[in-house]
Amino acid sequence: MIKLEDRISVVILCLVTAMAIFYSLMMLGDGWATAFMERAGRPAPNEDTLYWMGSWGFIYLALAVGNICALLAPASDSRVYFRAMAFLAMVSFLRVLGNTIISDEVVNYVPIIAQLLVLIGYSVILSRTSSRVGTHFGWL
């Protein structure tokens, strides 16, 4: 039973969870990871690349499980999780942006757009669940 009472936050968390499950399944299987790299215009991955992609797949799977747990808990119990995820989404967006800026040629802008949407989504969830630092003290 979903205990998070804000419908927009539930929809955003469900979309981010679906995207995380999709990415985790895509990176956990060697065949799927190879097909992903080839369709992204990269050369076929070697064994080390497949190992690291599998590690990222487990990280995405953990993100999906965390989002599901946040859906099953009241917003007051998930504040620290929402704050941490908003911070990590910001750091990840800056990392993707930096990698794109220093890249010689940019073929695909989808990772920047996807990470920006995740950052905006977690920011909206923070605002809608009154989880921003200081808001429950009446400072803002």
C-alpha atoms as a PDB file:
ATOM      1  CA  MET A   1       0.000   0.000   0.000  1.00  0.00           C
ATOM      2  CA  ILE A   2       1.382   3.383  -1.005  1.00  0.00           C
ATOM      3  CA  LYS A   3       1.574   5.658   2.023  1.00  0.00           C
ATOM      4  CA  LEU A   4       3.036   8.682   0.264  1.00  0.00           C
ATOM      5  CA  GLU A   5      -0.017  10.924   0.016  1.00  0.00           C
ATOM      6  CA  ASP A   6       1.042  13.366  -2.717  1.00  0.00           C
ATOM      7  CA  ARG A   7      -0.106  12.040  -6.094  1.00  0.00           C
ATOM      8  CA  ILE A   8       2.450  14.029  -8.135  1.00  0.00           C
ATOM      9  CA  SER A   9       5.312  12.741  -5.974  1.00  0.00           C
ATOM     10  CA  VAL A  10       4.030   9.188  -6.403  1.00  0.00           C
ATOM     11  CA  VAL A  11       3.935   9.583 -10.195  1.00  0.00           C
ATOM     12  CA  ILE A  12       7.460  11.053 -10.293  1.00  0.00           C
ATOM     13  CA  LEU A  13       8.837   8.303  -8.048  1.00  0.00           C
ATOM     14  CA  CYS A  14       7.139   5.639 -10.172  1.00  0.00           C
ATOM     15  CA  LEU A  15       8.635   7.104 -13.371  1.00  0.00           C
ATOM     16  CA  VAL A  16      12.132   7.286 -11.852  1.00  0.00           C
ATOM     17  CA  THR A  17      11.707   3.738 -10.530  1.00  0.00           C
ATOM     18  CA  ALA A  18      10.638   2.436 -13.955  1.00  0.00           C
ATOM     19  CA  MET A  19      13.622   4.165 -15.561  1.00  0.00           C
ATOM     20  CA  ALA A  20      15.982   2.729 -12.920  1.00  0.00           C
ATOM     21  CA  ILE A  21      14.625  -0.799 -13.432  1.00  0.00           C
ATOM     22  CA  PHE A  22      15.000  -0.410 -17.201  1.00  0.00           C
ATOM     23  CA  TYR A  23      18.608   0.772 -16.871  1.00  0.00           C
ATOM     24  CA  SER A  24      19.466  -1.927 -14.324  1.00  0.00           C
ATOM     25  CA  LEU A  25      18.125  -4.710 -16.543  1.00  0.00           C
ATOM     26  CA  MET A  26      19.889  -3.212 -19.547  1.00  0.00           C
ATOM     27  CA  MET A  27      23.265  -3.117 -17.773  1.00  0.00           C
ATOM     28  CA  LEU A  28      23.080  -6.396 -15.851  1.00  0.00           C
ATOM     29  CA  GLY A  29      22.907  -8.649 -18.898  1.00  0.00           C
ATOM     30  CA  ASP A  30      26.059  -8.851 -21.022  1.00  0.00           C
ATOM     31  CA  GLY A  31      24.130  -9.111 -24.280  1.00  0.00           C
ATOM     32  CA  TRP A  32      21.923  -6.146 -23.441  1.00  0.00           C
ATOM     33  CA  ALA A  33      24.912  -4.074 -22.299  1.00  0.00           C
ATOM     34  CA  THR A  34      26.761  -4.837 -25.532  1.00  0.00           C
ATOM     35  CA  ALA A  35      23.723  -3.889 -27.625  1.00  0.00           C
ATOM     36  CA  PHE A  36      23.351  -0.654 -25.620  1.00  0.00           C
ATOM     37  CA  MET A  37      26.984   0.328 -26.212  1.00  0.00           C
ATOM     38  CA  GLU A  38      26.787  -0.450 -29.925  1.00  0.00           C
ATOM     39  CA  ARG A  39      23.563   1.526 -30.405  1.00  0.00           C
ATOM     40  CA  ALA A  40      25.048   4.456 -28.509  1.00  0.00           C
ATOM     41  CA  GLY A  41      27.769   4.611 -31.168  1.00  0.00           C
ATOM     42  CA  ARG A  42      30.522   3.196 -28.958  1.00  0.00           C
ATOM     43  CA  PRO A  43      32.735   0.216 -29.762  1.00  0.00           C
ATOM     44  CA  ALA A  44      31.810  -3.190 -28.401  1.00  0.00           C
ATOM     45  CA  PRO A  45      32.695  -3.356 -24.690  1.00  0.00           C
ATOM     46  CA  ASN A  46      35.463  -5.541 -23.345  1.00  0.00           C
ATOM     47  CA  GLU A  47      35.238  -7.683 -20.205  1.00  0.00           C
ATOM     48  CA  ASP A  48      36.222  -4.843 -17.830  1.00  0.00           C
ATOM     49  CA  THR A  49      33.606  -2.502 -19.281  1.00  0.00           C
ATOM     50  CA  LEU A  50      30.935  -5.161 -18.917  1.00  0.00           C
ATOM     51  CA  TYR A  51      31.980  -5.660 -15.286  1.00  0.00           C
ATOM     52  CA  TRP A  52      31.590  -1.940 -14.518  1.00  0.00           C
ATOM     53  CA  MET A  53      28.311  -1.743 -16.407  1.00  0.00           C
ATOM     54  CA  GLY A  54      27.060  -4.632 -14.280  1.00  0.00           C
ATOM     55  CA  SER A  55      28.087  -2.710 -11.160  1.00  0.00           C
ATOM     56  CA  TRP A  56      26.120   0.310 -12.363  1.00  0.00           C
ATOM     57  CA  GLY A  57      23.198  -2.010 -13.026  1.00  0.00           C
ATOM     58  CA  PHE A  58      23.149  -3.031  -9.370  1.00  0.00           C
ATOM     59  CA  ILE A  59      23.300   0.643  -8.343  1.00  0.00           C
ATOM     60  CA  TYR A  60      20.255   1.392 -10.503  1.00  0.00           C
ATOM     61  CA  LEU A  61      18.505  -1.644  -9.017  1.00  0.00           C
ATOM     62  CA  ALA A  62      19.231  -0.344  -5.502  1.00  0.00           C
ATOM     63  CA  LEU A  63      17.824   3.058  -6.533  1.00  0.00           C
ATOM     64  CA  ALA A  64      14.620   1.366  -7.686  1.00  0.00           C
ATOM     65  CA  VAL A  65      14.310  -0.545  -4.407  1.00  0.00           C
ATOM     66  CA  GLY A  66      14.906   2.671  -2.433  1.00  0.00           C
ATOM     67  CA  ASN A  67      12.197   4.462  -4.383  1.00  0.00           C
ATOM     68  CA  ILE A  68       9.762   1.623  -3.761  1.00  0.00           C
ATOM     69  CA  CYS A  69      10.551   1.775  -0.038  1.00  0.00           C
ATOM     70  CA  ALA A  70       9.974   5.551  -0.108  1.00  0.00           C
ATOM     71  CA  LEU A  71       6.584   4.950  -1.721  1.00  0.00           C
ATOM     72  CA  LEU A  72       5.638   2.538   1.046  1.00  0.00           C
ATOM     73  CA  ALA A  73       6.574   4.934   3.859  1.00  0.00           C
ATOM     74  CA  PRO A  74       5.017   8.239   4.892  1.00  0.00           C
ATOM     75  CA  ALA A  75       6.780  11.363   3.643  1.00  0.00           C
ATOM     76  CA  SER A  76       7.970  12.230   7.148  1.00  0.00           C
ATOM     77  CA  ASP A  77       9.903   8.943   7.285  1.00  0.00           C
ATOM     78  CA  SER A  78      11.472   9.458   3.846  1.00  0.00           C
ATOM     79  CA  ARG A  79      12.822  12.992   4.230  1.00  0.00           C
ATOM     80  CA  VAL A  80      16.460  12.008   4.577  1.00  0.00           C
ATOM     81  CA  TYR A  81      16.179   9.693   1.560  1.00  0.00           C
ATOM     82  CA  PHE A  82      14.616  12.428  -0.593  1.00  0.00           C
ATOM     83  CA  ARG A  83      17.315  14.915   0.429  1.00  0.00           C
ATOM     84  CA  ALA A  84      20.103  12.444  -0.277  1.00  0.00           C
ATOM     85  CA  MET A  85      18.655  11.515  -3.651  1.00  0.00           C
ATOM     86  CA  ALA A  86      18.240  15.167  -4.661  1.00  0.00           C
ATOM     87  CA  PHE A  87      21.874  15.824  -3.726  1.00  0.00           C
ATOM     88  CA  LEU A  88      23.108  12.727  -5.566  1.00  0.00           C
ATOM     89  CA  ALA A  89      21.016  13.630  -8.623  1.00  0.00           C
ATOM     90  CA  MET A  90      22.632  17.087  -8.631  1.00  0.00           C
ATOM     91  CA  VAL A  91      26.135  15.610  -8.357  1.00  0.00           C
ATOM     92  CA  SER A  92      25.352  13.121 -11.109  1.00  0.00           C
ATOM     93  CA  PHE A  93      23.978  15.873 -13.352  1.00  0.00           C
ATOM     94  CA  LEU A  94      27.134  17.954 -12.844  1.00  0.00           C
ATOM     95  CA  ARG A  95      29.245  14.892 -13.641  1.00  0.00           C
ATOM     96  CA  VAL A  96      27.357  14.171 -16.868  1.00  0.00           C
ATOM     97  CA  LEU A  97      27.490  17.848 -17.830  1.00  0.00           C
ATOM     98  CA  GLY A  98      31.240  18.003 -17.175  1.00  0.00           C
ATOM     99  CA  ASN A  99      31.876  14.839 -19.173  1.00  0.00           C
ATOM    100  CA  THR A 100      29.879  16.275 -22.071  1.00  0.00           C
ATOM    101  CA  ILE A 101      31.730  19.596 -21.963  1.00  0.00           C
ATOM    102  CA  ILE A 102      35.185  17.988 -22.093  1.00  0.00           C
ATOM    103  CA  SER A 103      34.150  15.485 -24.770  1.00  0.00           C
ATOM    104  CA  ASP A 104      35.604  16.023 -28.232  1.00  0.00           C
ATOM    105  CA  GLU A 105      32.362  15.341 -30.032  1.00  0.00           C
ATOM    106  CA  VAL A 106      28.932  14.932 -28.525  1.00  0.00           C
ATOM    107  CA  VAL A 107      26.738  12.444 -30.323  1.00  0.00           C
ATOM    108  CA  ASN A 108      24.017  11.947 -27.753  1.00  0.00           C
ATOM    109  CA  TYR A 109      22.453  14.474 -25.368  1.00  0.00           C
ATOM    110  CA  VAL A 110      19.995  11.989 -23.862  1.00  0.00           C
ATOM    111  CA  PRO A 111      22.016  11.331 -20.647  1.00  0.00           C
ATOM    112  CA  ILE A 112      22.103  15.062 -19.835  1.00  0.00           C
ATOM    113  CA  ILE A 113      18.378  15.452 -20.418  1.00  0.00           C
ATOM    114  CA  ALA A 114      17.510  12.304 -18.454  1.00  0.00           C
ATOM    115  CA  GLN A 115      19.675  13.310 -15.490  1.00  0.00           C
ATOM    116  CA  LEU A 116      18.245  16.835 -15.517  1.00  0.00           C
ATOM    117  CA  LEU A 117      14.713  15.395 -15.435  1.00  0.00           C
ATOM    118  CA  VAL A 118      15.645  13.179 -12.463  1.00  0.00           C
ATOM    119  CA  LEU A 119      17.110  16.212 -10.660  1.00  0.00           C
ATOM    120  CA  ILE A 120      13.986  18.280 -11.332  1.00  0.00           C
ATOM    121  CA  GLY A 121      11.801  15.347 -10.251  1.00  0.00           C
ATOM    122  CA  TYR A 122      13.532  14.941  -6.899  1.00  0.00           C
ATOM    123  CA  SER A 123      13.438  18.723  -6.376  1.00  0.00           C
ATOM    124  CA  VAL A 124       9.684  18.714  -6.964  1.00  0.00           C
ATOM    125  CA  ILE A 125       9.297  15.809  -4.533  1.00  0.00           C
ATOM    126  CA  LEU A 126      11.313  17.727  -1.916  1.00  0.00           C
ATOM    127  CA  SER A 127       9.055  20.754  -2.282  1.00  0.00           C
ATOM    128  CA  ARG A 128       5.767  18.851  -2.375  1.00  0.00           C
ATOM    129  CA  THR A 129       6.525  16.699   0.664  1.00  0.00           C
ATOM    130  CA  SER A 130       7.862  19.651   2.713  1.00  0.00           C
ATOM    131  CA  SER A 131      11.216  17.927   2.975  1.00  0.00           C
ATOM    132  CA  ARG A 132      13.442  20.903   2.207  1.00  0.00           C
ATOM    133  CA  VAL A 133      15.811  21.775   5.009  1.00  0.00           C
ATOM    134  CA  GLY A 134      14.327  24.515   7.187  1.00  0.00           C
ATOM    135  CA  THR A 135      10.790  24.405   5.834  1.00  0.00           C
ATOM    136  CA  HIS A 136       9.446  22.442   8.796  1.00  0.00           C
ATOM    137  CA  PHE A 137      11.007  25.001  11.161  1.00  0.00           C
ATOM    138  CA  GLY A 138       9.256  27.938   9.539  1.00  0.00           C
ATOM    139  CA  TRP A 139      12.465  29.566   8.295  1.00  0.00           C
ATOM    140  CA  LEU A 140      11.395  29.700   4.660  1.00  0.00           C
END
